[in-house]
Amino acid sequence: MITVSEVGPRDGVQSLDFLVDLEIKKQWIASEAAAGVPEIEVGSFVSFKRLPQMQDTPALVEFALTIPGLKVAALVPNLQGAKAAVAAGVHKLSIPVSASETHSLRNVNRTHEQMIEEVKQIRALVDDQPSETRANIEIGIATAFGCTIDGNVPQKTVVELAERLMIAGADEIGLSDTTGYADPKMVKDHLKAVQKAIGPANVTGVHLHNTRGLGLANALAALDCGITTIDASLGGLGGCPFAPGASGNIVTEDLVFMLHSMGYETGINLPELIEVRKKLAEQISGSSIYGFIADAGLPLGFSQSSHTIKGDEAHS
């Protein structure tokens, strides 16, 4: 089973130059969950003055928690955000820690050392909660494959940061191609190096952008390394507003089509997902929604069930 984690309500919306109505976001989240998307990052607990698009995150978390079976995630850049997210009851805290320290300063106004301390404090906060409601801490190492500000980011920096973050309290580590610099070989090389350092079980996800057209190729490379969670955004919405030129997440519906065509199980009803995408495109017209499968349609004779296999067969 591959978990497709929808990040559009957070990563997609934060880059728009207009506010998306709360009711539209609720419909979006509910419709994707109804189509079988198992995990949705509904927003981020950040300064709403800095990112006004995220001001309704508490309301979205409250709404999303009423949807049976949906894993509700939120991005938190610091301890203050984590406190708000934990109080709201999210299932997963997504913490961005940039491998590029310059990007870290621009994105969350923290050095590497300061982010390590933030993670330690967030770990203590989470551990202080009842075990049955304790949120999972996922740290995404941003700009892991390069930075539009600093350029090349040494693999050694990524590996050392992953090691330190696990010690500081991460439950799992993911690698993020924040700026769309990655290629398939780089994805494999970086993932294998981090897996060797902290153990494959602790490296479960990737967050990829399609800035230079290699998003799905990079996702395939990650699958070859045993990655089981891939972030994506409906209609490819998104990009980091604090990394110039970083546009376009990989397209959720295109990713699901590729996975199903290859025999991977996701639990998602692809035709229903495509309809959700079409409705969203109408509701937020003027945004940079793109993708292929929604426009081209499913191939003649394509059957979701006939392309789905389970367990070890998907890796054979």
C-alpha atoms as a PDB file:
ATOM      1  CA  MET A   1       0.000   0.000   0.000  1.00  0.00           C
ATOM      2  CA  ILE A   2       1.287   3.423  -0.956  1.00  0.00           C
ATOM      3  CA  THR A   3      -0.023   6.380   1.035  1.00  0.00           C
ATOM      4  CA  VAL A   4      -0.739   9.406  -1.134  1.00  0.00           C
ATOM      5  CA  SER A   5      -0.734  12.371   1.229  1.00  0.00           C
ATOM      6  CA  GLU A   6      -2.656  15.361  -0.097  1.00  0.00           C
ATOM      7  CA  VAL A   7      -0.939  18.665   0.731  1.00  0.00           C
ATOM      8  CA  GLY A   8      -2.915  21.004  -1.510  1.00  0.00           C
ATOM      9  CA  PRO A   9      -4.996  22.685   1.223  1.00  0.00           C
ATOM     10  CA  ARG A  10      -1.712  23.757   2.784  1.00  0.00           C
ATOM     11  CA  ASP A  11       1.112  23.827   0.231  1.00  0.00           C
ATOM     12  CA  GLY A  12      -1.168  24.590  -2.687  1.00  0.00           C
ATOM     13  CA  VAL A  13      -3.199  27.327  -1.049  1.00  0.00           C
ATOM     14  CA  GLN A  14      -0.313  29.144   0.655  1.00  0.00           C
ATOM     15  CA  SER A  15       1.148  30.189  -2.683  1.00  0.00           C
ATOM     16  CA  LEU A  16      -2.044  31.721  -4.069  1.00  0.00           C
ATOM     17  CA  ASP A  17      -2.366  35.491  -4.161  1.00  0.00           C
ATOM     18  CA  PHE A  18      -5.998  35.330  -3.039  1.00  0.00           C
ATOM     19  CA  LEU A  19      -7.890  33.727  -0.156  1.00  0.00           C
ATOM     20  CA  VAL A  20      -9.845  30.541  -0.755  1.00  0.00           C
ATOM     21  CA  ASP A  21     -13.209  30.466   0.993  1.00  0.00           C
ATOM     22  CA  LEU A  22     -13.370  28.218   4.047  1.00  0.00           C
ATOM     23  CA  GLU A  23     -16.392  26.330   2.713  1.00  0.00           C
ATOM     24  CA  ILE A  24     -14.553  25.538  -0.527  1.00  0.00           C
ATOM     25  CA  LYS A  25     -11.651  24.114   1.486  1.00  0.00           C
ATOM     26  CA  LYS A  26     -14.040  22.013   3.571  1.00  0.00           C
ATOM     27  CA  GLN A  27     -15.701  20.629   0.429  1.00  0.00           C
ATOM     28  CA  TRP A  28     -12.278  19.906  -1.038  1.00  0.00           C
ATOM     29  CA  ILE A  29     -11.106  17.994   2.026  1.00  0.00           C
ATOM     30  CA  ALA A  30     -14.372  16.079   2.442  1.00  0.00           C
ATOM     31  CA  SER A  31     -14.524  15.151  -1.246  1.00  0.00           C
ATOM     32  CA  GLU A  32     -10.943  13.890  -1.365  1.00  0.00           C
ATOM     33  CA  ALA A  33     -11.486  11.861   1.786  1.00  0.00           C
ATOM     34  CA  ALA A  34     -14.659  10.399   0.257  1.00  0.00           C
ATOM     35  CA  ALA A  35     -12.607   9.417  -2.800  1.00  0.00           C
ATOM     36  CA  GLY A  36     -10.311   7.442  -0.515  1.00  0.00           C
ATOM     37  CA  VAL A  37      -7.401   9.826   0.098  1.00  0.00           C
ATOM     38  CA  PRO A  38      -6.165   8.617   3.505  1.00  0.00           C
ATOM     39  CA  GLU A  39      -4.135  11.604   4.694  1.00  0.00           C
ATOM     40  CA  ILE A  40      -4.558  15.350   4.143  1.00  0.00           C
ATOM     41  CA  GLU A  41      -2.362  18.206   5.313  1.00  0.00           C
ATOM     42  CA  VAL A  42      -5.152  20.698   5.901  1.00  0.00           C
ATOM     43  CA  GLY A  43      -3.099  23.780   6.743  1.00  0.00           C
ATOM     44  CA  SER A  44      -0.285  25.197   8.807  1.00  0.00           C
ATOM     45  CA  PHE A  45      -0.077  26.819  12.221  1.00  0.00           C
ATOM     46  CA  VAL A  46       2.010  29.810  11.265  1.00  0.00           C
ATOM     47  CA  SER A  47       1.819  33.573  11.638  1.00  0.00           C
ATOM     48  CA  PHE A  48      -1.411  34.479   9.900  1.00  0.00           C
ATOM     49  CA  LYS A  49      -0.025  37.942   9.213  1.00  0.00           C
ATOM     50  CA  ARG A  50       2.759  36.320   7.227  1.00  0.00           C
ATOM     51  CA  LEU A  51       0.531  33.764   5.495  1.00  0.00           C
ATOM     52  CA  PRO A  52      -3.093  34.971   5.693  1.00  0.00           C
ATOM     53  CA  GLN A  53      -4.159  32.012   3.530  1.00  0.00           C
ATOM     54  CA  MET A  54      -3.633  29.810   6.608  1.00  0.00           C
ATOM     55  CA  GLN A  55      -5.794  31.761   9.049  1.00  0.00           C
ATOM     56  CA  ASP A  56      -8.605  29.184   8.921  1.00  0.00           C
ATOM     57  CA  THR A  57      -6.375  26.217   9.775  1.00  0.00           C
ATOM     58  CA  PRO A  58      -7.886  25.691  13.266  1.00  0.00           C
ATOM     59  CA  ALA A  59     -11.375  25.538  11.748  1.00  0.00           C
ATOM     60  CA  LEU A  60     -10.192  23.124   9.044  1.00  0.00           C
ATOM     61  CA  VAL A  61      -8.581  20.815  11.597  1.00  0.00           C
ATOM     62  CA  GLU A  62     -11.773  20.801  13.643  1.00  0.00           C
ATOM     63  CA  PHE A  63     -13.778  19.937  10.527  1.00  0.00           C
ATOM     64  CA  ALA A  64     -11.364  17.326   9.189  1.00  0.00           C
ATOM     65  CA  LEU A  65     -11.297  15.480  12.518  1.00  0.00           C
ATOM     66  CA  THR A  66     -15.004  14.714  12.058  1.00  0.00           C
ATOM     67  CA  ILE A  67     -14.271  12.675   8.903  1.00  0.00           C
ATOM     68  CA  PRO A  68     -13.972   8.979   9.851  1.00  0.00           C
ATOM     69  CA  GLY A  69     -10.670   7.330   8.967  1.00  0.00           C
ATOM     70  CA  LEU A  70      -8.936  10.487   7.728  1.00  0.00           C
ATOM     71  CA  LYS A  71      -5.449  11.175   9.058  1.00  0.00           C
ATOM     72  CA  VAL A  72      -5.258  14.918   9.680  1.00  0.00           C
ATOM     73  CA  ALA A  73      -1.869  16.567   9.310  1.00  0.00           C
ATOM     74  CA  ALA A  74      -0.700  20.156   9.736  1.00  0.00           C
ATOM     75  CA  LEU A  75       2.583  21.918   9.177  1.00  0.00           C
ATOM     76  CA  VAL A  76       4.185  23.521  12.225  1.00  0.00           C
ATOM     77  CA  PRO A  77       7.376  25.591  11.911  1.00  0.00           C
ATOM     78  CA  ASN A  78       8.109  25.965  15.614  1.00  0.00           C
ATOM     79  CA  LEU A  79       7.058  25.154  19.175  1.00  0.00           C
ATOM     80  CA  GLN A  80       4.354  27.814  19.197  1.00  0.00           C
ATOM     81  CA  GLY A  81       2.746  26.315  16.127  1.00  0.00           C
ATOM     82  CA  ALA A  82       3.079  22.810  17.578  1.00  0.00           C
ATOM     83  CA  LYS A  83       1.265  23.859  20.748  1.00  0.00           C
ATOM     84  CA  ALA A  84      -1.655  25.137  18.683  1.00  0.00           C
ATOM     85  CA  ALA A  85      -1.696  22.026  16.503  1.00  0.00           C
ATOM     86  CA  VAL A  86      -1.570  19.649  19.473  1.00  0.00           C
ATOM     87  CA  ALA A  87      -4.361  21.580  21.175  1.00  0.00           C
ATOM     88  CA  ALA A  88      -6.405  21.301  17.982  1.00  0.00           C
ATOM     89  CA  GLY A  89      -5.900  17.523  17.986  1.00  0.00           C
ATOM     90  CA  VAL A  90      -4.018  16.860  14.742  1.00  0.00           C
ATOM     91  CA  HIS A  91      -2.781  13.344  14.108  1.00  0.00           C
ATOM     92  CA  LYS A  92       0.482  14.349  12.463  1.00  0.00           C
ATOM     93  CA  LEU A  93       2.854  17.272  12.925  1.00  0.00           C
ATOM     94  CA  SER A  94       4.859  18.080   9.810  1.00  0.00           C
ATOM     95  CA  ILE A  95       7.944  20.104  10.698  1.00  0.00           C
ATOM     96  CA  PRO A  96      10.047  21.656   7.916  1.00  0.00           C
ATOM     97  CA  VAL A  97      13.768  21.800   8.591  1.00  0.00           C
ATOM     98  CA  SER A  98      15.767  23.161   5.671  1.00  0.00           C
ATOM     99  CA  ALA A  99      19.080  21.606   4.738  1.00  0.00           C
ATOM    100  CA  SER A 100      19.995  25.033   3.361  1.00  0.00           C
ATOM    101  CA  GLU A 101      20.473  27.233   6.395  1.00  0.00           C
ATOM    102  CA  THR A 102      19.842  30.355   4.324  1.00  0.00           C
ATOM    103  CA  HIS A 103      16.466  28.963   3.287  1.00  0.00           C
ATOM    104  CA  SER A 104      15.764  28.022   6.903  1.00  0.00           C
ATOM    105  CA  LEU A 105      16.318  31.607   7.983  1.00  0.00           C
ATOM    106  CA  ARG A 106      13.991  32.914   5.281  1.00  0.00           C
ATOM    107  CA  ASN A 107      11.360  30.229   5.730  1.00  0.00           C
ATOM    108  CA  VAL A 108      11.117  29.863   9.522  1.00  0.00           C
ATOM    109  CA  ASN A 109      13.643  32.426  10.802  1.00  0.00           C
ATOM    110  CA  ARG A 110      15.716  29.712  12.495  1.00  0.00           C
ATOM    111  CA  THR A 111      19.263  28.356  12.147  1.00  0.00           C
ATOM    112  CA  HIS A 112      19.914  24.625  12.169  1.00  0.00           C
ATOM    113  CA  GLU A 113      20.842  24.730  15.847  1.00  0.00           C
ATOM    114  CA  GLN A 114      17.672  26.606  16.696  1.00  0.00           C
ATOM    115  CA  MET A 115      15.544  24.128  14.757  1.00  0.00           C
ATOM    116  CA  ILE A 116      17.151  21.198  16.573  1.00  0.00           C
ATOM    117  CA  GLU A 117      16.175  22.836  19.861  1.00  0.00           C
ATOM    118  CA  GLU A 118      12.629  23.460  18.568  1.00  0.00           C
ATOM    119  CA  VAL A 119      12.304  19.767  17.700  1.00  0.00           C
ATOM    120  CA  LYS A 120      13.488  18.737  21.174  1.00  0.00           C
ATOM    121  CA  GLN A 121      10.868  20.977  22.753  1.00  0.00           C
ATOM    122  CA  ILE A 122       8.143  19.725  20.416  1.00  0.00           C
ATOM    123  CA  ARG A 123       9.107  16.143  21.295  1.00  0.00           C
ATOM    124  CA  ALA A 124       8.696  16.967  24.992  1.00  0.00           C
ATOM    125  CA  LEU A 125       5.344  18.628  24.291  1.00  0.00           C
ATOM    126  CA  VAL A 126       4.030  15.598  22.402  1.00  0.00           C
ATOM    127  CA  ASP A 127       5.341  13.133  24.988  1.00  0.00           C
ATOM    128  CA  ASP A 128       3.424  15.042  27.640  1.00  0.00           C
ATOM    129  CA  GLN A 129       0.132  14.179  25.915  1.00  0.00           C
ATOM    130  CA  PRO A 130      -1.929  11.032  26.596  1.00  0.00           C
ATOM    131  CA  SER A 131      -0.524   8.139  24.564  1.00  0.00           C
ATOM    132  CA  GLU A 132      -3.803   7.540  22.734  1.00  0.00           C
ATOM    133  CA  THR A 133      -3.890  11.105  21.369  1.00  0.00           C
ATOM    134  CA  ARG A 134      -0.157  11.611  20.834  1.00  0.00           C
ATOM    135  CA  ALA A 135       0.611  13.124  17.429  1.00  0.00           C
ATOM    136  CA  ASN A 136       3.202  11.649  15.103  1.00  0.00           C
ATOM    137  CA  ILE A 137       6.208  13.896  14.441  1.00  0.00           C
ATOM    138  CA  GLU A 138       7.354  13.861  10.827  1.00  0.00           C
ATOM    139  CA  ILE A 139      10.254  16.106   9.895  1.00  0.00           C
ATOM    140  CA  GLY A 140      10.642  17.011   6.270  1.00  0.00           C
ATOM    141  CA  ILE A 141      14.173  18.008   5.367  1.00  0.00           C
ATOM    142  CA  ALA A 142      13.447  20.850   2.967  1.00  0.00           C
ATOM    143  CA  THR A 143      15.774  21.868   0.116  1.00  0.00           C
ATOM    144  CA  ALA A 144      17.304  18.407   0.498  1.00  0.00           C
ATOM    145  CA  PHE A 145      18.268  18.301  -3.172  1.00  0.00           C
ATOM    146  CA  GLY A 146      19.264  21.907  -3.748  1.00  0.00           C
ATOM    147  CA  CYS A 147      18.283  25.472  -3.012  1.00  0.00           C
ATOM    148  CA  THR A 148      17.416  28.423  -5.244  1.00  0.00           C
ATOM    149  CA  ILE A 149      19.300  30.662  -2.812  1.00  0.00           C
ATOM    150  CA  ASP A 150      22.413  28.625  -1.982  1.00  0.00           C
ATOM    151  CA  GLY A 151      22.506  26.281  -4.965  1.00  0.00           C
ATOM    152  CA  ASN A 152      24.000  22.868  -4.220  1.00  0.00           C
ATOM    153  CA  VAL A 153      23.285  21.322  -0.815  1.00  0.00           C
ATOM    154  CA  PRO A 154      25.852  18.619   0.057  1.00  0.00           C
ATOM    155  CA  GLN A 155      24.439  15.156   0.658  1.00  0.00           C
ATOM    156  CA  LYS A 156      26.562  15.024   3.805  1.00  0.00           C
ATOM    157  CA  THR A 157      24.608  17.977   5.215  1.00  0.00           C
ATOM    158  CA  VAL A 158      21.302  16.193   4.615  1.00  0.00           C
ATOM    159  CA  VAL A 159      22.508  12.965   6.235  1.00  0.00           C
ATOM    160  CA  GLU A 160      23.975  14.663   9.291  1.00  0.00           C
ATOM    161  CA  LEU A 161      20.827  16.726   9.750  1.00  0.00           C
ATOM    162  CA  ALA A 162      18.667  13.597   9.541  1.00  0.00           C
ATOM    163  CA  GLU A 163      20.775  11.913  12.213  1.00  0.00           C
ATOM    164  CA  ARG A 164      20.532  14.894  14.546  1.00  0.00           C
ATOM    165  CA  LEU A 165      16.789  15.267  14.016  1.00  0.00           C
ATOM    166  CA  MET A 166      16.148  11.627  14.894  1.00  0.00           C
ATOM    167  CA  ILE A 167      18.126  12.073  18.092  1.00  0.00           C
ATOM    168  CA  ALA A 168      16.172  15.264  18.818  1.00  0.00           C
ATOM    169  CA  GLY A 169      12.874  13.413  18.655  1.00  0.00           C
ATOM    170  CA  ALA A 170      11.541  12.846  15.152  1.00  0.00           C
ATOM    171  CA  ASP A 171       9.343   9.796  14.654  1.00  0.00           C
ATOM    172  CA  GLU A 172      10.195   9.757  10.953  1.00  0.00           C
ATOM    173  CA  ILE A 173      12.149  11.705   8.380  1.00  0.00           C
ATOM    174  CA  GLY A 174      11.088  12.714   4.885  1.00  0.00           C
ATOM    175  CA  LEU A 175      13.079  14.385   2.121  1.00  0.00           C
ATOM    176  CA  SER A 176      11.610  17.413   0.358  1.00  0.00           C
ATOM    177  CA  ASP A 177      12.502  18.688  -3.091  1.00  0.00           C
ATOM    178  CA  THR A 178      11.331  22.178  -2.158  1.00  0.00           C
ATOM    179  CA  THR A 179      12.812  23.848  -5.206  1.00  0.00           C
ATOM    180  CA  GLY A 180      12.405  21.189  -7.889  1.00  0.00           C
ATOM    181  CA  TYR A 181      16.151  20.563  -8.189  1.00  0.00           C
ATOM    182  CA  ALA A 182      16.072  16.771  -7.830  1.00  0.00           C
ATOM    183  CA  ASP A 183      16.546  14.153 -10.512  1.00  0.00           C
ATOM    184  CA  PRO A 184      15.907  10.397 -10.134  1.00  0.00           C
ATOM    185  CA  LYS A 185      19.552   9.504  -9.497  1.00  0.00           C
ATOM    186  CA  MET A 186      19.853  12.206  -6.877  1.00  0.00           C
ATOM    187  CA  VAL A 187      16.659  11.011  -5.193  1.00  0.00           C
ATOM    188  CA  LYS A 188      17.966   7.452  -4.995  1.00  0.00           C
ATOM    189  CA  ASP A 189      21.427   8.493  -3.825  1.00  0.00           C
ATOM    190  CA  HIS A 190      20.121  10.791  -1.088  1.00  0.00           C
ATOM    191  CA  LEU A 191      17.465   8.377   0.126  1.00  0.00           C
ATOM    192  CA  LYS A 192      19.879   5.457   0.299  1.00  0.00           C
ATOM    193  CA  ALA A 193      22.418   7.564   2.202  1.00  0.00           C
ATOM    194  CA  VAL A 194      19.835   8.715   4.752  1.00  0.00           C
ATOM    195  CA  GLN A 195      18.357   5.222   5.056  1.00  0.00           C
ATOM    196  CA  LYS A 196      21.813   3.821   5.755  1.00  0.00           C
ATOM    197  CA  ALA A 197      22.403   6.447   8.427  1.00  0.00           C
ATOM    198  CA  ILE A 198      19.127   6.270  10.374  1.00  0.00           C
ATOM    199  CA  GLY A 199      17.506   3.036   9.161  1.00  0.00           C
ATOM    200  CA  PRO A 200      15.034   2.499   6.289  1.00  0.00           C
ATOM    201  CA  ALA A 201      12.072   2.248   8.676  1.00  0.00           C
ATOM    202  CA  ASN A 202      12.652   5.849   9.744  1.00  0.00           C
ATOM    203  CA  VAL A 203      12.641   7.248   6.188  1.00  0.00           C
ATOM    204  CA  THR A 204       9.108   6.841   4.899  1.00  0.00           C
ATOM    205  CA  GLY A 205       8.133   9.846   2.775  1.00  0.00           C
ATOM    206  CA  VAL A 206       9.075  12.298   0.046  1.00  0.00           C
ATOM    207  CA  HIS A 207       7.691  15.687  -0.894  1.00  0.00           C
ATOM    208  CA  LEU A 208       8.379  16.423  -4.544  1.00  0.00           C
ATOM    209  CA  HIS A 209       7.863  19.366  -6.862  1.00  0.00           C
ATOM    210  CA  ASN A 210       7.447  19.209 -10.618  1.00  0.00           C
ATOM    211  CA  THR A 211       9.186  22.515 -11.288  1.00  0.00           C
ATOM    212  CA  ARG A 212      11.386  21.044 -14.036  1.00  0.00           C
ATOM    213  CA  GLY A 213       9.123  18.198 -15.130  1.00  0.00           C
ATOM    214  CA  LEU A 214      10.778  15.385 -13.164  1.00  0.00           C
ATOM    215  CA  GLY A 215       8.215  15.009 -10.384  1.00  0.00           C
ATOM    216  CA  LEU A 216       6.777  11.599 -11.313  1.00  0.00           C
ATOM    217  CA  ALA A 217      10.180  10.265 -12.373  1.00  0.00           C
ATOM    218  CA  ASN A 218      11.478  11.233  -8.934  1.00  0.00           C
ATOM    219  CA  ALA A 219       8.460   9.597  -7.286  1.00  0.00           C
ATOM    220  CA  LEU A 220       9.264   6.371  -9.139  1.00  0.00           C
ATOM    221  CA  ALA A 221      12.872   6.574  -7.931  1.00  0.00           C
ATOM    222  CA  ALA A 222      11.605   6.972  -4.364  1.00  0.00           C
ATOM    223  CA  LEU A 223       9.348   3.932  -4.746  1.00  0.00           C
ATOM    224  CA  ASP A 224      12.361   1.919  -5.868  1.00  0.00           C
ATOM    225  CA  CYS A 225      13.974   2.824  -2.534  1.00  0.00           C
ATOM    226  CA  GLY A 226      11.010   1.493  -0.568  1.00  0.00           C
ATOM    227  CA  ILE A 227       9.325   4.809   0.179  1.00  0.00           C
ATOM    228  CA  THR A 228       5.674   4.295   1.128  1.00  0.00           C
ATOM    229  CA  THR A 229       4.329   7.858   1.496  1.00  0.00           C
ATOM    230  CA  ILE A 230       4.345  10.433  -1.291  1.00  0.00           C
ATOM    231  CA  ASP A 231       3.028  13.981  -0.935  1.00  0.00           C
ATOM    232  CA  ALA A 232       1.075  15.457  -3.823  1.00  0.00           C
ATOM    233  CA  SER A 233      -1.295  18.322  -4.529  1.00  0.00           C
ATOM    234  CA  LEU A 234      -4.560  18.163  -6.427  1.00  0.00           C
ATOM    235  CA  GLY A 235      -4.062  19.906  -9.746  1.00  0.00           C
ATOM    236  CA  GLY A 236      -0.396  20.435  -8.907  1.00  0.00           C
ATOM    237  CA  LEU A 237      -1.112  23.513  -6.829  1.00  0.00           C
ATOM    238  CA  GLY A 238       1.725  24.799  -4.725  1.00  0.00           C
ATOM    239  CA  GLY A 239       5.290  25.863  -4.235  1.00  0.00           C
ATOM    240  CA  CYS A 240       7.314  27.486  -1.495  1.00  0.00           C
ATOM    241  CA  PRO A 241       6.710  31.265  -1.291  1.00  0.00           C
ATOM    242  CA  PHE A 242      10.101  31.718   0.371  1.00  0.00           C
ATOM    243  CA  ALA A 243      12.115  29.916  -2.300  1.00  0.00           C
ATOM    244  CA  PRO A 244      12.098  31.911  -5.548  1.00  0.00           C
ATOM    245  CA  GLY A 245      11.095  29.873  -8.591  1.00  0.00           C
ATOM    246  CA  ALA A 246       9.853  26.883  -6.571  1.00  0.00           C
ATOM    247  CA  SER A 247       6.532  26.159  -8.228  1.00  0.00           C
ATOM    248  CA  GLY A 248       4.284  23.196  -8.717  1.00  0.00           C
ATOM    249  CA  ASN A 249       3.849  20.110  -6.554  1.00  0.00           C
ATOM    250  CA  ILE A 250       3.419  16.778  -8.288  1.00  0.00           C
ATOM    251  CA  VAL A 251      -0.193  16.293  -9.366  1.00  0.00           C
ATOM    252  CA  THR A 252      -2.186  14.023  -7.045  1.00  0.00           C
ATOM    253  CA  GLU A 253      -4.410  12.557  -9.746  1.00  0.00           C
ATOM    254  CA  ASP A 254      -1.480  11.972 -12.126  1.00  0.00           C
ATOM    255  CA  LEU A 255       0.480  10.271  -9.342  1.00  0.00           C
ATOM    256  CA  VAL A 256      -2.460   8.010  -8.465  1.00  0.00           C
ATOM    257  CA  PHE A 257      -2.874   7.101 -12.153  1.00  0.00           C
ATOM    258  CA  MET A 258       0.790   6.129 -12.385  1.00  0.00           C
ATOM    259  CA  LEU A 259       0.618   4.071  -9.196  1.00  0.00           C
ATOM    260  CA  HIS A 260      -2.545   2.243 -10.238  1.00  0.00           C
ATOM    261  CA  SER A 261      -1.177   1.596 -13.723  1.00  0.00           C
ATOM    262  CA  MET A 262       1.881  -0.019 -12.128  1.00  0.00           C
ATOM    263  CA  GLY A 263      -0.209  -2.175  -9.793  1.00  0.00           C
ATOM    264  CA  TYR A 264       0.330  -0.302  -6.549  1.00  0.00           C
ATOM    265  CA  GLU A 265      -2.597  -0.123  -4.159  1.00  0.00           C
ATOM    266  CA  THR A 266      -3.592   3.313  -2.780  1.00  0.00           C
ATOM    267  CA  GLY A 267      -7.191   2.870  -1.669  1.00  0.00           C
ATOM    268  CA  ILE A 268      -8.166   5.874  -3.825  1.00  0.00           C
ATOM    269  CA  ASN A 269     -10.980   5.877  -6.369  1.00  0.00           C
ATOM    270  CA  LEU A 270      -9.299   7.601  -9.315  1.00  0.00           C
ATOM    271  CA  PRO A 271     -12.419   8.587 -11.315  1.00  0.00           C
ATOM    272  CA  GLU A 272     -13.882  10.183  -8.181  1.00  0.00           C
ATOM    273  CA  LEU A 273     -10.609  11.997  -7.509  1.00  0.00           C
ATOM    274  CA  ILE A 274     -10.594  13.410 -11.035  1.00  0.00           C
ATOM    275  CA  GLU A 275     -14.107  14.775 -10.473  1.00  0.00           C
ATOM    276  CA  VAL A 276     -12.951  16.458  -7.254  1.00  0.00           C
ATOM    277  CA  ARG A 277     -10.132  18.075  -9.204  1.00  0.00           C
ATOM    278  CA  LYS A 278     -12.492  19.342 -11.913  1.00  0.00           C
ATOM    279  CA  LYS A 279     -14.800  20.907  -9.346  1.00  0.00           C
ATOM    280  CA  LEU A 280     -11.892  22.544  -7.519  1.00  0.00           C
ATOM    281  CA  ALA A 281     -10.634  24.008 -10.800  1.00  0.00           C
ATOM    282  CA  GLU A 282     -14.023  25.683 -11.258  1.00  0.00           C
ATOM    283  CA  GLN A 283     -14.140  26.963  -7.685  1.00  0.00           C
ATOM    284  CA  ILE A 284     -10.707  28.579  -7.723  1.00  0.00           C
ATOM    285  CA  SER A 285     -10.486  29.582 -11.357  1.00  0.00           C
ATOM    286  CA  GLY A 286      -7.470  31.711 -12.166  1.00  0.00           C
ATOM    287  CA  SER A 287      -5.130  29.557 -10.083  1.00  0.00           C
ATOM    288  CA  SER A 288      -2.295  27.566 -11.623  1.00  0.00           C
ATOM    289  CA  ILE A 289      -4.033  24.169 -11.663  1.00  0.00           C
ATOM    290  CA  TYR A 290      -2.498  21.812 -14.209  1.00  0.00           C
ATOM    291  CA  GLY A 291      -1.990  18.110 -14.861  1.00  0.00           C
ATOM    292  CA  PHE A 292      -2.580  15.542 -17.556  1.00  0.00           C
ATOM    293  CA  ILE A 293      -4.963  12.751 -16.627  1.00  0.00           C
ATOM    294  CA  ALA A 294      -7.893  15.066 -15.844  1.00  0.00           C
ATOM    295  CA  ASP A 295      -7.598  16.609 -19.316  1.00  0.00           C
ATOM    296  CA  ALA A 296      -6.688  13.497 -21.319  1.00  0.00           C
ATOM    297  CA  GLY A 297      -9.048  11.139 -19.515  1.00  0.00           C
ATOM    298  CA  LEU A 298      -8.412   7.555 -18.491  1.00  0.00           C
ATOM    299  CA  PRO A 299      -7.235   5.165 -21.236  1.00  0.00           C
ATOM    300  CA  LEU A 300      -9.915   3.092 -22.959  1.00  0.00           C
ATOM    301  CA  GLY A 301     -10.448  -0.070 -20.980  1.00  0.00           C
ATOM    302  CA  PHE A 302      -8.577   1.183 -17.917  1.00  0.00           C
ATOM    303  CA  SER A 303      -9.912  -0.583 -14.857  1.00  0.00           C
ATOM    304  CA  GLN A 304      -8.768   0.467 -11.445  1.00  0.00           C
ATOM    305  CA  SER A 305      -9.364  -2.994  -9.999  1.00  0.00           C
ATOM    306  CA  SER A 306      -7.603  -4.848 -12.809  1.00  0.00           C
ATOM    307  CA  HIS A 307      -4.489  -2.692 -12.361  1.00  0.00           C
ATOM    308  CA  THR A 308      -4.351  -3.170  -8.603  1.00  0.00           C
ATOM    309  CA  ILE A 309      -2.293  -5.854  -6.890  1.00  0.00           C
ATOM    310  CA  LYS A 310      -1.390  -6.224  -3.273  1.00  0.00           C
ATOM    311  CA  GLY A 311       1.561  -6.790  -1.030  1.00  0.00           C
ATOM    312  CA  ASP A 312       4.890  -8.018  -2.344  1.00  0.00           C
ATOM    313  CA  GLU A 313       3.570  -8.353  -5.910  1.00  0.00           C
ATOM    314  CA  ALA A 314       3.669  -4.557  -6.253  1.00  0.00           C
ATOM    315  CA  HIS A 315       7.427  -4.649  -5.745  1.00  0.00           C
ATOM    316  CA  SER A 316       8.213  -7.611  -7.984  1.00  0.00           C
END
